Amino acid sequence: MQNALKFYINGEWLDPITPHIVDGINPTTEKPMGKISYGSTGDVDLAVAAAKQAFKTYSKTSREERIAYLEKILKGYKERWDELATATSEEMGAPISFAKGPQADAGSSCTMWC
């Protein structure tokens, strides 16, 4: 069972301002597969403030720098492909073969073509 109780905001993992912890349920087994915490308005406000701050410098980057960022994201995505597919399978109840195909591919496809 895995737990995802923190949010990645402004380069660090933070505890929720107001934790609201719930079980993630595997729809195939109907058993808990881990715990997550919902975010609050305060968590969203922190994330938006961090994004606004980051945009000040990111908006000045070149096309080549942005492509390099996307390539780094895609590399990390590919390195964790099996982990992402397993999480997708457990979260959605999909067969692992389907999760490793179109479902896990959705994020990398968007990184490459969106």
N, C-alpha and C. Protein backbone atom coordinates (compact mmCIF):
# COMPACT_ATOMS: atom_id res chain seq x y z
N MET A 1 0.84 -1.17 0.00
CA MET A 1 0.00 0.00 0.00
C MET A 1 0.90 1.25 0.00
N GLN A 2 0.62 2.15 -0.92
CA GLN A 2 1.38 3.38 -0.99
C GLN A 2 0.54 4.55 -0.49
N ASN A 3 1.24 5.54 0.00
CA ASN A 3 0.56 6.73 0.46
C ASN A 3 1.09 7.95 -0.27
N ALA A 4 0.20 8.83 -0.66
CA ALA A 4 0.56 10.07 -1.32
C ALA A 4 -0.06 11.22 -0.53
N LEU A 5 0.63 11.56 0.53
CA LEU A 5 0.05 12.51 1.48
C LEU A 5 0.68 13.90 1.40
N LYS A 6 1.60 14.12 0.48
CA LYS A 6 2.25 15.42 0.34
C LYS A 6 2.02 15.96 -1.06
N PHE A 7 2.22 17.25 -1.21
CA PHE A 7 2.09 17.93 -2.50
C PHE A 7 3.45 18.50 -2.89
N TYR A 8 3.78 18.38 -4.17
CA TYR A 8 5.04 18.93 -4.67
C TYR A 8 4.76 20.35 -5.16
N ILE A 9 5.22 21.31 -4.38
CA ILE A 9 4.97 22.72 -4.68
C ILE A 9 6.28 23.48 -4.53
N ASN A 10 6.62 24.22 -5.57
CA ASN A 10 7.80 25.08 -5.54
C ASN A 10 9.09 24.32 -5.22
N GLY A 11 9.20 23.11 -5.79
CA GLY A 11 10.43 22.34 -5.65
C GLY A 11 10.58 21.55 -4.37
N GLU A 12 9.52 21.42 -3.59
CA GLU A 12 9.63 20.62 -2.37
C GLU A 12 8.31 19.93 -2.05
N TRP A 13 8.43 18.83 -1.31
CA TRP A 13 7.26 18.07 -0.89
C TRP A 13 6.73 18.68 0.40
N LEU A 14 5.48 19.10 0.37
CA LEU A 14 4.87 19.77 1.52
C LEU A 14 3.67 18.99 2.05
N ASP A 15 3.52 19.03 3.36
CA ASP A 15 2.31 18.48 3.95
C ASP A 15 1.15 19.40 3.61
N PRO A 16 -0.05 18.85 3.43
CA PRO A 16 -1.21 19.70 3.18
C PRO A 16 -1.43 20.67 4.34
N ILE A 17 -1.91 21.85 4.02
CA ILE A 17 -2.22 22.83 5.06
C ILE A 17 -3.33 22.30 5.96
N THR A 18 -4.36 21.76 5.34
CA THR A 18 -5.46 21.14 6.07
C THR A 18 -5.63 19.72 5.52
N PRO A 19 -4.96 18.74 6.12
CA PRO A 19 -5.05 17.38 5.59
C PRO A 19 -6.48 16.84 5.59
N HIS A 20 -6.83 16.17 4.52
CA HIS A 20 -8.10 15.47 4.42
C HIS A 20 -7.76 14.13 3.77
N ILE A 21 -7.41 13.16 4.61
CA ILE A 21 -6.88 11.88 4.15
C ILE A 21 -8.01 10.89 3.88
N VAL A 22 -7.93 10.27 2.71
CA VAL A 22 -8.93 9.27 2.31
C VAL A 22 -8.22 8.05 1.73
N ASP A 23 -8.91 6.93 1.74
CA ASP A 23 -8.39 5.72 1.12
C ASP A 23 -8.60 5.79 -0.39
N GLY A 24 -7.58 5.37 -1.13
CA GLY A 24 -7.74 5.13 -2.56
C GLY A 24 -8.17 3.69 -2.71
N ILE A 25 -9.25 3.44 -3.42
CA ILE A 25 -9.81 2.10 -3.53
C ILE A 25 -9.55 1.54 -4.93
N ASN A 26 -9.02 0.32 -4.97
CA ASN A 26 -8.85 -0.38 -6.23
C ASN A 26 -10.23 -0.88 -6.66
N PRO A 27 -10.77 -0.41 -7.79
CA PRO A 27 -12.12 -0.82 -8.17
C PRO A 27 -12.25 -2.29 -8.54
N THR A 28 -11.14 -2.94 -8.85
CA THR A 28 -11.19 -4.36 -9.19
C THR A 28 -11.33 -5.22 -7.94
N THR A 29 -10.55 -4.90 -6.92
CA THR A 29 -10.56 -5.70 -5.69
C THR A 29 -11.46 -5.11 -4.61
N GLU A 30 -11.82 -3.84 -4.77
CA GLU A 30 -12.58 -3.07 -3.79
C GLU A 30 -11.85 -2.97 -2.45
N LYS A 31 -10.51 -3.06 -2.49
CA LYS A 31 -9.70 -2.94 -1.29
C LYS A 31 -8.87 -1.66 -1.36
N PRO A 32 -8.53 -1.10 -0.18
CA PRO A 32 -7.68 0.09 -0.19
C PRO A 32 -6.33 -0.22 -0.84
N MET A 33 -5.85 0.72 -1.65
CA MET A 33 -4.56 0.55 -2.30
C MET A 33 -3.56 1.58 -1.79
N GLY A 34 -4.02 2.50 -0.97
CA GLY A 34 -3.15 3.53 -0.42
C GLY A 34 -3.99 4.66 0.14
N LYS A 35 -3.32 5.65 0.62
CA LYS A 35 -4.00 6.82 1.16
C LYS A 35 -3.53 8.06 0.39
N ILE A 36 -4.45 8.99 0.21
CA ILE A 36 -4.13 10.27 -0.41
C ILE A 36 -4.72 11.37 0.46
N SER A 37 -4.27 12.58 0.24
CA SER A 37 -4.87 13.70 0.93
C SER A 37 -5.39 14.67 -0.11
N TYR A 38 -6.61 15.10 0.08
CA TYR A 38 -7.15 16.15 -0.77
C TYR A 38 -6.46 17.46 -0.42
N GLY A 39 -6.43 18.35 -1.36
CA GLY A 39 -5.88 19.67 -1.11
C GLY A 39 -6.96 20.64 -0.66
N SER A 40 -6.53 21.71 -0.05
CA SER A 40 -7.45 22.75 0.40
C SER A 40 -7.21 24.02 -0.43
N THR A 41 -8.02 25.01 -0.20
CA THR A 41 -7.85 26.29 -0.87
C THR A 41 -6.45 26.85 -0.60
N GLY A 42 -5.96 26.68 0.62
CA GLY A 42 -4.62 27.16 0.97
C GLY A 42 -3.53 26.46 0.16
N ASP A 43 -3.69 25.15 -0.08
CA ASP A 43 -2.72 24.41 -0.89
C ASP A 43 -2.73 24.92 -2.33
N VAL A 44 -3.91 25.16 -2.85
CA VAL A 44 -4.04 25.70 -4.21
C VAL A 44 -3.40 27.08 -4.29
N ASP A 45 -3.65 27.91 -3.28
CA ASP A 45 -3.07 29.26 -3.28
C ASP A 45 -1.54 29.20 -3.29
N LEU A 46 -0.96 28.26 -2.53
CA LEU A 46 0.50 28.10 -2.54
C LEU A 46 1.01 27.68 -3.91
N ALA A 47 0.32 26.73 -4.52
CA ALA A 47 0.73 26.24 -5.84
C ALA A 47 0.62 27.34 -6.90
N VAL A 48 -0.45 28.11 -6.86
CA VAL A 48 -0.64 29.19 -7.83
C VAL A 48 0.43 30.27 -7.63
N ALA A 49 0.72 30.61 -6.39
CA ALA A 49 1.77 31.61 -6.11
C ALA A 49 3.12 31.12 -6.63
N ALA A 50 3.42 29.84 -6.43
CA ALA A 50 4.69 29.28 -6.91
C ALA A 50 4.74 29.31 -8.44
N ALA A 51 3.63 28.99 -9.08
CA ALA A 51 3.58 29.01 -10.55
C ALA A 51 3.77 30.43 -11.09
N LYS A 52 3.14 31.39 -10.44
CA LYS A 52 3.30 32.79 -10.88
C LYS A 52 4.75 33.24 -10.73
N GLN A 53 5.38 32.85 -9.65
CA GLN A 53 6.78 33.22 -9.41
C GLN A 53 7.68 32.56 -10.46
N ALA A 54 7.45 31.27 -10.72
CA ALA A 54 8.27 30.54 -11.70
C ALA A 54 8.10 31.12 -13.10
N PHE A 55 6.91 31.57 -13.41
CA PHE A 55 6.64 32.10 -14.75
C PHE A 55 7.49 33.33 -15.05
N LYS A 56 7.84 34.07 -14.04
CA LYS A 56 8.65 35.28 -14.26
C LYS A 56 9.95 34.96 -14.97
N THR A 57 10.59 33.87 -14.60
CA THR A 57 11.84 33.50 -15.28
C THR A 57 11.58 32.54 -16.45
N TYR A 58 10.64 31.63 -16.29
CA TYR A 58 10.35 30.66 -17.36
C TYR A 58 9.89 31.37 -18.63
N SER A 59 9.13 32.41 -18.49
CA SER A 59 8.60 33.13 -19.65
C SER A 59 9.72 33.76 -20.48
N LYS A 60 10.90 33.86 -19.91
CA LYS A 60 12.04 34.46 -20.62
C LYS A 60 12.97 33.40 -21.22
N THR A 61 12.63 32.11 -21.07
CA THR A 61 13.48 31.07 -21.61
C THR A 61 13.29 30.95 -23.12
N SER A 62 14.31 30.43 -23.76
CA SER A 62 14.27 30.25 -25.22
C SER A 62 13.48 28.99 -25.58
N ARG A 63 13.16 28.88 -26.84
CA ARG A 63 12.49 27.69 -27.35
C ARG A 63 13.32 26.45 -27.05
N GLU A 64 14.62 26.54 -27.24
CA GLU A 64 15.52 25.41 -27.01
C GLU A 64 15.52 24.98 -25.54
N GLU A 65 15.51 25.96 -24.64
CA GLU A 65 15.47 25.64 -23.21
C GLU A 65 14.16 24.94 -22.85
N ARG A 66 13.07 25.39 -23.42
CA ARG A 66 11.77 24.78 -23.13
C ARG A 66 11.70 23.36 -23.67
N ILE A 67 12.25 23.16 -24.86
CA ILE A 67 12.31 21.81 -25.43
C ILE A 67 13.14 20.91 -24.51
N ALA A 68 14.26 21.43 -24.01
CA ALA A 68 15.11 20.64 -23.10
C ALA A 68 14.34 20.25 -21.84
N TYR A 69 13.54 21.16 -21.29
CA TYR A 69 12.73 20.85 -20.11
C TYR A 69 11.75 19.71 -20.43
N LEU A 70 11.07 19.83 -21.58
CA LEU A 70 10.10 18.80 -21.96
C LEU A 70 10.78 17.45 -22.19
N GLU A 71 11.97 17.47 -22.77
CA GLU A 71 12.71 16.22 -22.99
C GLU A 71 13.10 15.58 -21.66
N LYS A 72 13.45 16.40 -20.68
CA LYS A 72 13.79 15.87 -19.36
C LYS A 72 12.56 15.25 -18.70
N ILE A 73 11.42 15.90 -18.84
CA ILE A 73 10.18 15.35 -18.29
C ILE A 73 9.86 14.02 -18.97
N LEU A 74 9.99 13.98 -20.29
CA LEU A 74 9.70 12.76 -21.04
C LEU A 74 10.65 11.63 -20.63
N LYS A 75 11.92 11.94 -20.42
CA LYS A 75 12.89 10.93 -19.98
C LYS A 75 12.47 10.35 -18.63
N GLY A 76 12.11 11.21 -17.69
CA GLY A 76 11.64 10.74 -16.38
C GLY A 76 10.38 9.91 -16.49
N TYR A 77 9.51 10.31 -17.37
CA TYR A 77 8.26 9.57 -17.59
C TYR A 77 8.58 8.16 -18.06
N LYS A 78 9.49 8.05 -19.04
CA LYS A 78 9.85 6.74 -19.59
C LYS A 78 10.56 5.87 -18.54
N GLU A 79 11.37 6.48 -17.70
CA GLU A 79 12.08 5.73 -16.65
C GLU A 79 11.11 5.14 -15.63
N ARG A 80 9.96 5.77 -15.46
CA ARG A 80 8.99 5.31 -14.46
C ARG A 80 7.75 4.70 -15.09
N TRP A 81 7.87 4.29 -16.37
CA TRP A 81 6.73 3.78 -17.14
C TRP A 81 5.99 2.66 -16.41
N ASP A 82 6.73 1.65 -15.95
CA ASP A 82 6.08 0.51 -15.28
C ASP A 82 5.38 0.94 -13.99
N GLU A 83 6.02 1.83 -13.26
CA GLU A 83 5.41 2.34 -12.02
C GLU A 83 4.11 3.10 -12.32
N LEU A 84 4.14 3.93 -13.36
CA LEU A 84 2.95 4.68 -13.74
C LEU A 84 1.84 3.75 -14.22
N ALA A 85 2.21 2.74 -15.00
CA ALA A 85 1.21 1.80 -15.50
C ALA A 85 0.59 1.00 -14.35
N THR A 86 1.41 0.58 -13.40
CA THR A 86 0.90 -0.17 -12.25
C THR A 86 -0.06 0.70 -11.43
N ALA A 87 0.33 1.93 -11.19
CA ALA A 87 -0.55 2.83 -10.43
C ALA A 87 -1.86 3.07 -11.17
N THR A 88 -1.77 3.25 -12.48
CA THR A 88 -2.98 3.46 -13.28
C THR A 88 -3.88 2.24 -13.23
N SER A 89 -3.28 1.06 -13.35
CA SER A 89 -4.05 -0.18 -13.30
C SER A 89 -4.77 -0.32 -11.96
N GLU A 90 -4.06 -0.07 -10.88
CA GLU A 90 -4.66 -0.20 -9.55
C GLU A 90 -5.73 0.86 -9.31
N GLU A 91 -5.47 2.07 -9.78
CA GLU A 91 -6.38 3.19 -9.56
C GLU A 91 -7.67 3.06 -10.35
N MET A 92 -7.55 2.56 -11.58
CA MET A 92 -8.71 2.53 -12.47
C MET A 92 -9.30 1.14 -12.67
N GLY A 93 -8.57 0.11 -12.19
CA GLY A 93 -9.05 -1.25 -12.36
C GLY A 93 -8.84 -1.79 -13.76
N ALA A 94 -7.98 -1.14 -14.53
CA ALA A 94 -7.73 -1.57 -15.91
C ALA A 94 -6.73 -2.72 -15.93
N PRO A 95 -6.83 -3.60 -16.93
CA PRO A 95 -5.80 -4.64 -17.09
C PRO A 95 -4.44 -3.98 -17.30
N ILE A 96 -3.39 -4.60 -16.76
CA ILE A 96 -2.06 -4.00 -16.84
C ILE A 96 -1.63 -3.80 -18.29
N SER A 97 -2.04 -4.70 -19.19
CA SER A 97 -1.67 -4.55 -20.60
C SER A 97 -2.26 -3.27 -21.19
N PHE A 98 -3.47 -2.92 -20.79
CA PHE A 98 -4.09 -1.69 -21.26
C PHE A 98 -3.45 -0.48 -20.58
N ALA A 99 -3.16 -0.61 -19.29
CA ALA A 99 -2.54 0.48 -18.55
C ALA A 99 -1.16 0.81 -19.12
N LYS A 100 -0.40 -0.23 -19.55
CA LYS A 100 0.93 0.01 -20.12
C LYS A 100 0.85 0.59 -21.53
N GLY A 101 -0.30 0.51 -22.14
CA GLY A 101 -0.47 1.04 -23.49
C GLY A 101 -1.06 2.43 -23.48
N PRO A 102 -2.33 2.55 -23.89
CA PRO A 102 -2.91 3.87 -24.07
C PRO A 102 -3.04 4.70 -22.80
N GLN A 103 -3.25 4.07 -21.65
CA GLN A 103 -3.43 4.88 -20.45
C GLN A 103 -2.11 5.50 -19.98
N ALA A 104 -1.07 4.69 -19.84
CA ALA A 104 0.21 5.25 -19.39
C ALA A 104 0.83 6.15 -20.45
N ASP A 105 0.47 5.92 -21.70
CA ASP A 105 1.03 6.72 -22.79
C ASP A 105 0.43 8.12 -22.86
N ALA A 106 -0.70 8.35 -22.22
CA ALA A 106 -1.37 9.64 -22.34
C ALA A 106 -0.48 10.80 -21.92
N GLY A 107 0.21 10.67 -20.81
CA GLY A 107 1.07 11.75 -20.34
C GLY A 107 2.26 12.00 -21.24
N SER A 108 2.92 10.93 -21.70
CA SER A 108 4.07 11.13 -22.56
C SER A 108 3.63 11.67 -23.93
N SER A 109 2.48 11.23 -24.42
CA SER A 109 2.00 11.74 -25.70
C SER A 109 1.72 13.25 -25.61
N CYS A 110 1.14 13.66 -24.51
CA CYS A 110 0.86 15.07 -24.34
C CYS A 110 2.16 15.87 -24.24
N THR A 111 3.15 15.31 -23.58
CA THR A 111 4.45 16.00 -23.47
C THR A 111 5.09 16.16 -24.85
N MET A 112 4.91 15.17 -25.71
CA MET A 112 5.52 15.21 -27.03
C MET A 112 4.72 16.04 -28.03
N TRP A 113 3.39 16.03 -27.93
CA TRP A 113 2.58 16.62 -29.01
C TRP A 113 1.70 17.78 -28.61
N CYS A 114 1.51 18.03 -27.35
CA CYS A 114 0.59 19.11 -26.95
C CYS A 114 1.26 20.46 -26.96
